[in-house]
Amino acid sequence: MSDGSRRANRSPEILDELAQVTWRASSYSGPEGNCVEVGAAPGVVGVRDSKDRDGAVLVFDRQRWSRFLAALRDGDARSDVT
């Protein structure tokens, strides 16, 4: 994916990097595990489904992730935030 996100299951280097992180779920998540988890590595941020921890991981470079969080804080959750 050329838009700042990549599928980690296609990049062994990124998988190795994310294997060392501590994954965190939102404090708003319930005990059912119906949420996503975020793991931050030095150059990337990974997002995975808490119900499928061995499944695909979306990986974002830190700049893209920061812009995404800023857009959420500003109430602008459009899909075209770049």
PDB file of N, CA and C in Angstrom:
ATOM      1  N   MET A   1       0.856  -1.169   0.000  1.00  0.00           N
ATOM      2  CA  MET A   1       0.000   0.000   0.000  1.00  0.00           C
ATOM      3  C   MET A   1       0.900   1.229   0.000  1.00  0.00           C
ATOM      4  N   SER A   2       0.676   2.114  -0.889  1.00  0.00           N
ATOM      5  CA  SER A   2       1.554   3.259  -1.026  1.00  0.00           C
ATOM      6  C   SER A   2       1.064   4.480  -0.268  1.00  0.00           C
ATOM      7  N   ASP A   3      -0.018   4.391   0.474  1.00  0.00           N
ATOM      8  CA  ASP A   3      -0.586   5.560   1.136  1.00  0.00           C
ATOM      9  C   ASP A   3      -0.120   5.720   2.576  1.00  0.00           C
ATOM     10  N   GLY A   4       0.999   5.122   2.965  1.00  0.00           N
ATOM     11  CA  GLY A   4       1.492   5.248   4.328  1.00  0.00           C
ATOM     12  C   GLY A   4       1.119   4.084   5.212  1.00  0.00           C
ATOM     13  N   SER A   5       0.346   3.160   4.705  1.00  0.00           N
ATOM     14  CA  SER A   5       0.021   1.961   5.467  1.00  0.00           C
ATOM     15  C   SER A   5       0.442   0.748   4.657  1.00  0.00           C
ATOM     16  N   ARG A   6       0.804  -0.315   5.376  1.00  0.00           N
ATOM     17  CA  ARG A   6       1.232  -1.552   4.718  1.00  0.00           C
ATOM     18  C   ARG A   6       0.687  -2.720   5.503  1.00  0.00           C
ATOM     19  N   ARG A   7       0.500  -3.833   4.853  1.00  0.00           N
ATOM     20  CA  ARG A   7       0.112  -5.055   5.554  1.00  0.00           C
ATOM     21  C   ARG A   7       1.379  -5.727   6.057  1.00  0.00           C
ATOM     22  N   ALA A   8       1.477  -5.824   7.389  1.00  0.00           N
ATOM     23  CA  ALA A   8       2.685  -6.372   7.985  1.00  0.00           C
ATOM     24  C   ALA A   8       2.890  -7.830   7.626  1.00  0.00           C
ATOM     25  N   ASN A   9       1.811  -8.560   7.338  1.00  0.00           N
ATOM     26  CA  ASN A   9       1.987  -9.973   7.043  1.00  0.00           C
ATOM     27  C   ASN A   9       2.735 -10.175   5.728  1.00  0.00           C
ATOM     28  N   ARG A  10       3.045  -9.120   5.004  1.00  0.00           N
ATOM     29  CA  ARG A  10       3.823  -9.220   3.778  1.00  0.00           C
ATOM     30  C   ARG A  10       5.234  -8.679   3.952  1.00  0.00           C
ATOM     31  N   SER A  11       5.595  -8.239   5.138  1.00  0.00           N
ATOM     32  CA  SER A  11       6.906  -7.662   5.384  1.00  0.00           C
ATOM     33  C   SER A  11       7.527  -8.279   6.633  1.00  0.00           C
ATOM     34  N   PRO A  12       8.421  -9.235   6.466  1.00  0.00           N
ATOM     35  CA  PRO A  12       9.031  -9.891   7.635  1.00  0.00           C
ATOM     36  C   PRO A  12       9.765  -8.922   8.544  1.00  0.00           C
ATOM     37  N   GLU A  13      10.387  -7.871   7.990  1.00  0.00           N
ATOM     38  CA  GLU A  13      11.115  -6.912   8.815  1.00  0.00           C
ATOM     39  C   GLU A  13      10.170  -6.178   9.769  1.00  0.00           C
ATOM     40  N   ILE A  14       9.024  -5.785   9.245  1.00  0.00           N
ATOM     41  CA  ILE A  14       8.066  -5.073  10.086  1.00  0.00           C
ATOM     42  C   ILE A  14       7.448  -6.022  11.102  1.00  0.00           C
ATOM     43  N   LEU A  15       7.180  -7.244  10.708  1.00  0.00           N
ATOM     44  CA  LEU A  15       6.674  -8.228  11.673  1.00  0.00           C
ATOM     45  C   LEU A  15       7.656  -8.428  12.810  1.00  0.00           C
ATOM     46  N   ASP A  16       8.935  -8.511  12.498  1.00  0.00           N
ATOM     47  CA  ASP A  16       9.952  -8.658  13.541  1.00  0.00           C
ATOM     48  C   ASP A  16       9.946  -7.458  14.475  1.00  0.00           C
ATOM     49  N   GLU A  17       9.809  -6.264  13.891  1.00  0.00           N
ATOM     50  CA  GLU A  17       9.776  -5.049  14.693  1.00  0.00           C
ATOM     51  C   GLU A  17       8.558  -5.031  15.607  1.00  0.00           C
ATOM     52  N   LEU A  18       7.398  -5.403  15.063  1.00  0.00           N
ATOM     53  CA  LEU A  18       6.171  -5.375  15.858  1.00  0.00           C
ATOM     54  C   LEU A  18       6.089  -6.523  16.864  1.00  0.00           C
ATOM     55  N   ALA A  19       6.850  -7.579  16.660  1.00  0.00           N
ATOM     56  CA  ALA A  19       6.850  -8.696  17.604  1.00  0.00           C
ATOM     57  C   ALA A  19       7.406  -8.269  18.965  1.00  0.00           C
ATOM     58  N   GLN A  20       8.143  -7.174  18.990  1.00  0.00           N
ATOM     59  CA  GLN A  20       8.765  -6.702  20.224  1.00  0.00           C
ATOM     60  C   GLN A  20       7.931  -5.676  20.989  1.00  0.00           C
ATOM     61  N   VAL A  21       6.827  -5.223  20.407  1.00  0.00           N
ATOM     62  CA  VAL A  21       6.051  -4.161  21.040  1.00  0.00           C
ATOM     63  C   VAL A  21       5.045  -4.706  22.036  1.00  0.00           C
ATOM     64  N   THR A  22       4.579  -3.839  22.899  1.00  0.00           N
ATOM     65  CA  THR A  22       3.483  -4.154  23.799  1.00  0.00           C
ATOM     66  C   THR A  22       2.209  -3.634  23.146  1.00  0.00           C
ATOM     67  N   TRP A  23       1.291  -4.538  22.879  1.00  0.00           N
ATOM     68  CA  TRP A  23       0.020  -4.166  22.253  1.00  0.00           C
ATOM     69  C   TRP A  23      -0.923  -3.671  23.329  1.00  0.00           C
ATOM     70  N   ARG A  24      -1.652  -2.593  23.039  1.00  0.00           N
ATOM     71  CA  ARG A  24      -2.576  -2.018  24.010  1.00  0.00           C
ATOM     72  C   ARG A  24      -3.953  -1.833  23.384  1.00  0.00           C
ATOM     73  N   ALA A  25      -4.970  -2.133  24.176  1.00  0.00           N
ATOM     74  CA  ALA A  25      -6.354  -1.886  23.763  1.00  0.00           C
ATOM     75  C   ALA A  25      -6.846  -0.648  24.491  1.00  0.00           C
ATOM     76  N   SER A  26      -7.871  -0.047  23.982  1.00  0.00           N
ATOM     77  CA  SER A  26      -8.452   1.129  24.608  1.00  0.00           C
ATOM     78  C   SER A  26      -8.982   0.788  25.996  1.00  0.00           C
ATOM     79  N   SER A  27      -8.891   1.746  26.882  1.00  0.00           N
ATOM     80  CA  SER A  27      -9.456   1.552  28.223  1.00  0.00           C
ATOM     81  C   SER A  27     -10.979   1.487  28.171  1.00  0.00           C
ATOM     82  N   TYR A  28     -11.571   1.887  27.047  1.00  0.00           N
ATOM     83  CA  TYR A  28     -13.019   1.813  26.858  1.00  0.00           C
ATOM     84  C   TYR A  28     -13.468   0.425  26.399  1.00  0.00           C
ATOM     85  N   SER A  29     -12.526  -0.440  26.072  1.00  0.00           N
ATOM     86  CA  SER A  29     -12.863  -1.782  25.595  1.00  0.00           C
ATOM     87  C   SER A  29     -13.416  -2.617  26.734  1.00  0.00           C
ATOM     88  N   GLY A  30     -14.374  -3.442  26.395  1.00  0.00           N
ATOM     89  CA  GLY A  30     -14.946  -4.338  27.386  1.00  0.00           C
ATOM     90  C   GLY A  30     -14.161  -5.632  27.465  1.00  0.00           C
ATOM     91  N   PRO A  31     -14.517  -6.516  28.364  1.00  0.00           N
ATOM     92  CA  PRO A  31     -13.808  -7.780  28.529  1.00  0.00           C
ATOM     93  C   PRO A  31     -14.023  -8.756  27.372  1.00  0.00           C
ATOM     94  N   GLU A  32     -14.967  -8.456  26.469  1.00  0.00           N
ATOM     95  CA  GLU A  32     -15.245  -9.344  25.348  1.00  0.00           C
ATOM     96  C   GLU A  32     -14.123  -9.338  24.307  1.00  0.00           C
ATOM     97  N   GLY A  33     -13.285  -8.319  24.326  1.00  0.00           N
ATOM     98  CA  GLY A  33     -12.207  -8.230  23.355  1.00  0.00           C
ATOM     99  C   GLY A  33     -12.662  -7.759  21.985  1.00  0.00           C
ATOM    100  N   ASN A  34     -13.739  -7.027  21.914  1.00  0.00           N
ATOM    101  CA  ASN A  34     -14.256  -6.537  20.633  1.00  0.00           C
ATOM    102  C   ASN A  34     -13.660  -5.178  20.304  1.00  0.00           C
ATOM    103  N   CYS A  35     -12.398  -5.145  20.027  1.00  0.00           N
ATOM    104  CA  CYS A  35     -11.756  -3.872  19.753  1.00  0.00           C
ATOM    105  C   CYS A  35     -10.496  -4.106  18.916  1.00  0.00           C
ATOM    106  N   VAL A  36      -9.795  -3.043  18.675  1.00  0.00           N
ATOM    107  CA  VAL A  36      -8.496  -3.152  18.026  1.00  0.00           C
ATOM    108  C   VAL A  36      -7.426  -2.868  19.061  1.00  0.00           C
ATOM    109  N   GLU A  37      -6.235  -3.340  18.786  1.00  0.00           N
ATOM    110  CA  GLU A  37      -5.089  -3.074  19.640  1.00  0.00           C
ATOM    111  C   GLU A  37      -4.060  -2.312  18.821  1.00  0.00           C
ATOM    112  N   VAL A  38      -3.306  -1.462  19.503  1.00  0.00           N
ATOM    113  CA  VAL A  38      -2.284  -0.645  18.857  1.00  0.00           C
ATOM    114  C   VAL A  38      -0.939  -0.986  19.476  1.00  0.00           C
ATOM    115  N   GLY A  39       0.062  -1.151  18.622  1.00  0.00           N
ATOM    116  CA  GLY A  39       1.421  -1.399  19.067  1.00  0.00           C
ATOM    117  C   GLY A  39       2.364  -0.463  18.339  1.00  0.00           C
ATOM    118  N   ALA A  40       3.166   0.290  19.087  1.00  0.00           N
ATOM    119  CA  ALA A  40       4.073   1.264  18.482  1.00  0.00           C
ATOM    120  C   ALA A  40       5.508   0.751  18.511  1.00  0.00           C
ATOM    121  N   ALA A  41       6.123   0.724  17.360  1.00  0.00           N
ATOM    122  CA  ALA A  41       7.535   0.377  17.209  1.00  0.00           C
ATOM    123  C   ALA A  41       8.269   1.663  16.821  1.00  0.00           C
ATOM    124  N   PRO A  42       9.590   1.651  16.777  1.00  0.00           N
ATOM    125  CA  PRO A  42      10.325   2.888  16.495  1.00  0.00           C
ATOM    126  C   PRO A  42       9.874   3.647  15.244  1.00  0.00           C
ATOM    127  N   GLY A  43       9.640   2.961  14.137  1.00  0.00           N
ATOM    128  CA  GLY A  43       9.286   3.678  12.916  1.00  0.00           C
ATOM    129  C   GLY A  43       7.862   3.527  12.452  1.00  0.00           C
ATOM    130  N   VAL A  44       7.104   2.645  13.097  1.00  0.00           N
ATOM    131  CA  VAL A  44       5.758   2.338  12.618  1.00  0.00           C
ATOM    132  C   VAL A  44       4.805   2.124  13.788  1.00  0.00           C
ATOM    133  N   VAL A  45       3.512   2.161  13.468  1.00  0.00           N
ATOM    134  CA  VAL A  45       2.458   1.835  14.432  1.00  0.00           C
ATOM    135  C   VAL A  45       1.602   0.749  13.802  1.00  0.00           C
ATOM    136  N   GLY A  46       1.377  -0.328  14.546  1.00  0.00           N
ATOM    137  CA  GLY A  46       0.553  -1.423  14.051  1.00  0.00           C
ATOM    138  C   GLY A  46      -0.811  -1.424  14.706  1.00  0.00           C
ATOM    139  N   VAL A  47      -1.814  -1.868  13.960  1.00  0.00           N
ATOM    140  CA  VAL A  47      -3.185  -1.986  14.465  1.00  0.00           C
ATOM    141  C   VAL A  47      -3.676  -3.380  14.106  1.00  0.00           C
ATOM    142  N   ARG A  48      -4.200  -4.090  15.106  1.00  0.00           N
ATOM    143  CA  ARG A  48      -4.693  -5.451  14.851  1.00  0.00           C
ATOM    144  C   ARG A  48      -6.011  -5.667  15.580  1.00  0.00           C
ATOM    145  N   ASP A  49      -6.734  -6.674  15.153  1.00  0.00           N
ATOM    146  CA  ASP A  49      -8.008  -7.064  15.750  1.00  0.00           C
ATOM    147  C   ASP A  49      -7.703  -7.863  17.014  1.00  0.00           C
ATOM    148  N   SER A  50      -8.267  -7.448  18.136  1.00  0.00           N
ATOM    149  CA  SER A  50      -7.986  -8.138  19.396  1.00  0.00           C
ATOM    150  C   SER A  50      -8.544  -9.556  19.428  1.00  0.00           C
ATOM    151  N   LYS A  51      -9.516  -9.855  18.559  1.00  0.00           N
ATOM    152  CA  LYS A  51     -10.068 -11.210  18.503  1.00  0.00           C
ATOM    153  C   LYS A  51      -9.225 -12.131  17.624  1.00  0.00           C
ATOM    154  N   ASP A  52      -8.318 -11.558  16.841  1.00  0.00           N
ATOM    155  CA  ASP A  52      -7.486 -12.346  15.923  1.00  0.00           C
ATOM    156  C   ASP A  52      -6.048 -11.825  15.980  1.00  0.00           C
ATOM    157  N   ARG A  53      -5.415 -12.017  17.107  1.00  0.00           N
ATOM    158  CA  ARG A  53      -4.075 -11.455  17.339  1.00  0.00           C
ATOM    159  C   ARG A  53      -3.012 -12.025  16.408  1.00  0.00           C
ATOM    160  N   ASP A  54      -3.258 -13.171  15.825  1.00  0.00           N
ATOM    161  CA  ASP A  54      -2.297 -13.743  14.873  1.00  0.00           C
ATOM    162  C   ASP A  54      -2.655 -13.412  13.430  1.00  0.00           C
ATOM    163  N   GLY A  55      -3.709 -12.640  13.246  1.00  0.00           N
ATOM    164  CA  GLY A  55      -4.155 -12.280  11.902  1.00  0.00           C
ATOM    165  C   GLY A  55      -3.377 -11.102  11.343  1.00  0.00           C
ATOM    166  N   ALA A  56      -3.941 -10.502  10.326  1.00  0.00           N
ATOM    167  CA  ALA A  56      -3.307  -9.379   9.631  1.00  0.00           C
ATOM    168  C   ALA A  56      -3.137  -8.184  10.557  1.00  0.00           C
ATOM    169  N   VAL A  57      -2.100  -7.422  10.297  1.00  0.00           N
ATOM    170  CA  VAL A  57      -1.806  -6.199  11.033  1.00  0.00           C
ATOM    171  C   VAL A  57      -1.717  -5.065  10.020  1.00  0.00           C
ATOM    172  N   LEU A  58      -2.443  -3.995  10.280  1.00  0.00           N
ATOM    173  CA  LEU A  58      -2.281  -2.792   9.465  1.00  0.00           C
ATOM    174  C   LEU A  58      -1.133  -1.994  10.059  1.00  0.00           C
ATOM    175  N   VAL A  59      -0.237  -1.536   9.215  1.00  0.00           N
ATOM    176  CA  VAL A  59       0.940  -0.818   9.684  1.00  0.00           C
ATOM    177  C   VAL A  59       0.976   0.559   9.047  1.00  0.00           C
ATOM    178  N   PHE A  60       1.159   1.569   9.887  1.00  0.00           N
ATOM    179  CA  PHE A  60       1.201   2.954   9.446  1.00  0.00           C
ATOM    180  C   PHE A  60       2.532   3.577   9.831  1.00  0.00           C
ATOM    181  N   ASP A  61       3.064   4.420   8.961  1.00  0.00           N
ATOM    182  CA  ASP A  61       4.253   5.158   9.395  1.00  0.00           C
ATOM    183  C   ASP A  61       3.796   6.153  10.461  1.00  0.00           C
ATOM    184  N   ARG A  62       4.727   6.617  11.278  1.00  0.00           N
ATOM    185  CA  ARG A  62       4.364   7.454  12.420  1.00  0.00           C
ATOM    186  C   ARG A  62       3.733   8.773  12.011  1.00  0.00           C
ATOM    187  N   GLN A  63       4.159   9.343  10.910  1.00  0.00           N
ATOM    188  CA  GLN A  63       3.587  10.607  10.456  1.00  0.00           C
ATOM    189  C   GLN A  63       2.110  10.429  10.099  1.00  0.00           C
ATOM    190  N   ARG A  64       1.798   9.384   9.365  1.00  0.00           N
ATOM    191  CA  ARG A  64       0.406   9.115   8.986  1.00  0.00           C
ATOM    192  C   ARG A  64      -0.441   8.856  10.230  1.00  0.00           C
ATOM    193  N   TRP A  65       0.090   8.095  11.179  1.00  0.00           N
ATOM    194  CA  TRP A  65      -0.634   7.781  12.408  1.00  0.00           C
ATOM    195  C   TRP A  65      -0.921   9.057  13.204  1.00  0.00           C
ATOM    196  N   SER A  66       0.052   9.936  13.297  1.00  0.00           N
ATOM    197  CA  SER A  66      -0.130  11.195  14.024  1.00  0.00           C
ATOM    198  C   SER A  66      -1.222  12.050  13.389  1.00  0.00           C
ATOM    199  N   ARG A  67      -1.241  12.092  12.060  1.00  0.00           N
ATOM    200  CA  ARG A  67      -2.283  12.860  11.368  1.00  0.00           C
ATOM    201  C   ARG A  67      -3.656  12.234  11.602  1.00  0.00           C
ATOM    202  N   PHE A  68      -3.728  10.922  11.617  1.00  0.00           N
ATOM    203  CA  PHE A  68      -4.984  10.226  11.880  1.00  0.00           C
ATOM    204  C   PHE A  68      -5.505  10.560  13.279  1.00  0.00           C
ATOM    205  N   LEU A  69      -4.636  10.494  14.293  1.00  0.00           N
ATOM    206  CA  LEU A  69      -5.061  10.811  15.657  1.00  0.00           C
ATOM    207  C   LEU A  69      -5.488  12.268  15.781  1.00  0.00           C
ATOM    208  N   ALA A  70      -4.762  13.169  15.144  1.00  0.00           N
ATOM    209  CA  ALA A  70      -5.131  14.588  15.185  1.00  0.00           C
ATOM    210  C   ALA A  70      -6.504  14.794  14.554  1.00  0.00           C
ATOM    211  N   ALA A  71      -6.779  14.107  13.450  1.00  0.00           N
ATOM    212  CA  ALA A  71      -8.078  14.230  12.790  1.00  0.00           C
ATOM    213  C   ALA A  71      -9.195  13.720  13.706  1.00  0.00           C
ATOM    214  N   LEU A  72      -8.950  12.627  14.418  1.00  0.00           N
ATOM    215  CA  LEU A  72      -9.962  12.112  15.347  1.00  0.00           C
ATOM    216  C   LEU A  72     -10.212  13.111  16.474  1.00  0.00           C
ATOM    217  N   ARG A  73      -9.139  13.680  17.010  1.00  0.00           N
ATOM    218  CA  ARG A  73      -9.301  14.665  18.081  1.00  0.00           C
ATOM    219  C   ARG A  73     -10.091  15.876  17.616  1.00  0.00           C
ATOM    220  N   ASP A  74      -9.902  16.256  16.361  1.00  0.00           N
ATOM    221  CA  ASP A  74     -10.591  17.415  15.800  1.00  0.00           C
ATOM    222  C   ASP A  74     -11.993  17.088  15.307  1.00  0.00           C
ATOM    223  N   GLY A  75     -12.400  15.828  15.436  1.00  0.00           N
ATOM    224  CA  GLY A  75     -13.722  15.419  14.980  1.00  0.00           C
ATOM    225  C   GLY A  75     -13.818  15.260  13.477  1.00  0.00           C
ATOM    226  N   ASP A  76     -12.698  15.054  12.828  1.00  0.00           N
ATOM    227  CA  ASP A  76     -12.652  14.932  11.369  1.00  0.00           C
ATOM    228  C   ASP A  76     -12.180  13.523  11.013  1.00  0.00           C
ATOM    229  N   ALA A  77     -13.084  12.550  11.051  1.00  0.00           N
ATOM    230  CA  ALA A  77     -12.719  11.153  10.806  1.00  0.00           C
ATOM    231  C   ALA A  77     -12.984  10.735   9.371  1.00  0.00           C
ATOM    232  N   ARG A  78     -12.785  11.647   8.418  1.00  0.00           N
ATOM    233  CA  ARG A  78     -12.981  11.310   7.010  1.00  0.00           C
ATOM    234  C   ARG A  78     -11.960  10.278   6.587  1.00  0.00           C
ATOM    235  N   SER A  79     -12.274   9.509   5.573  1.00  0.00           N
ATOM    236  CA  SER A  79     -11.356   8.484   5.081  1.00  0.00           C
ATOM    237  C   SER A  79     -10.240   9.061   4.227  1.00  0.00           C
ATOM    238  N   ASP A  80     -10.333  10.336   3.838  1.00  0.00           N
ATOM    239  CA  ASP A  80      -9.315  10.908   2.965  1.00  0.00           C
ATOM    240  C   ASP A  80      -8.276  11.745   3.706  1.00  0.00           C
ATOM    241  N   VAL A  81      -8.173  11.597   5.017  1.00  0.00           N
ATOM    242  CA  VAL A  81      -7.180  12.347   5.779  1.00  0.00           C
ATOM    243  C   VAL A  81      -5.799  11.872   5.376  1.00  0.00           C
ATOM    244  N   THR A  82      -4.966  12.789   4.918  1.00  0.00           N
ATOM    245  CA  THR A  82      -3.617  12.405   4.479  1.00  0.00           C
ATOM    246  C   THR A  82      -2.590  13.112   5.241  1.00  0.00           C
TER     247      THR A  82
END
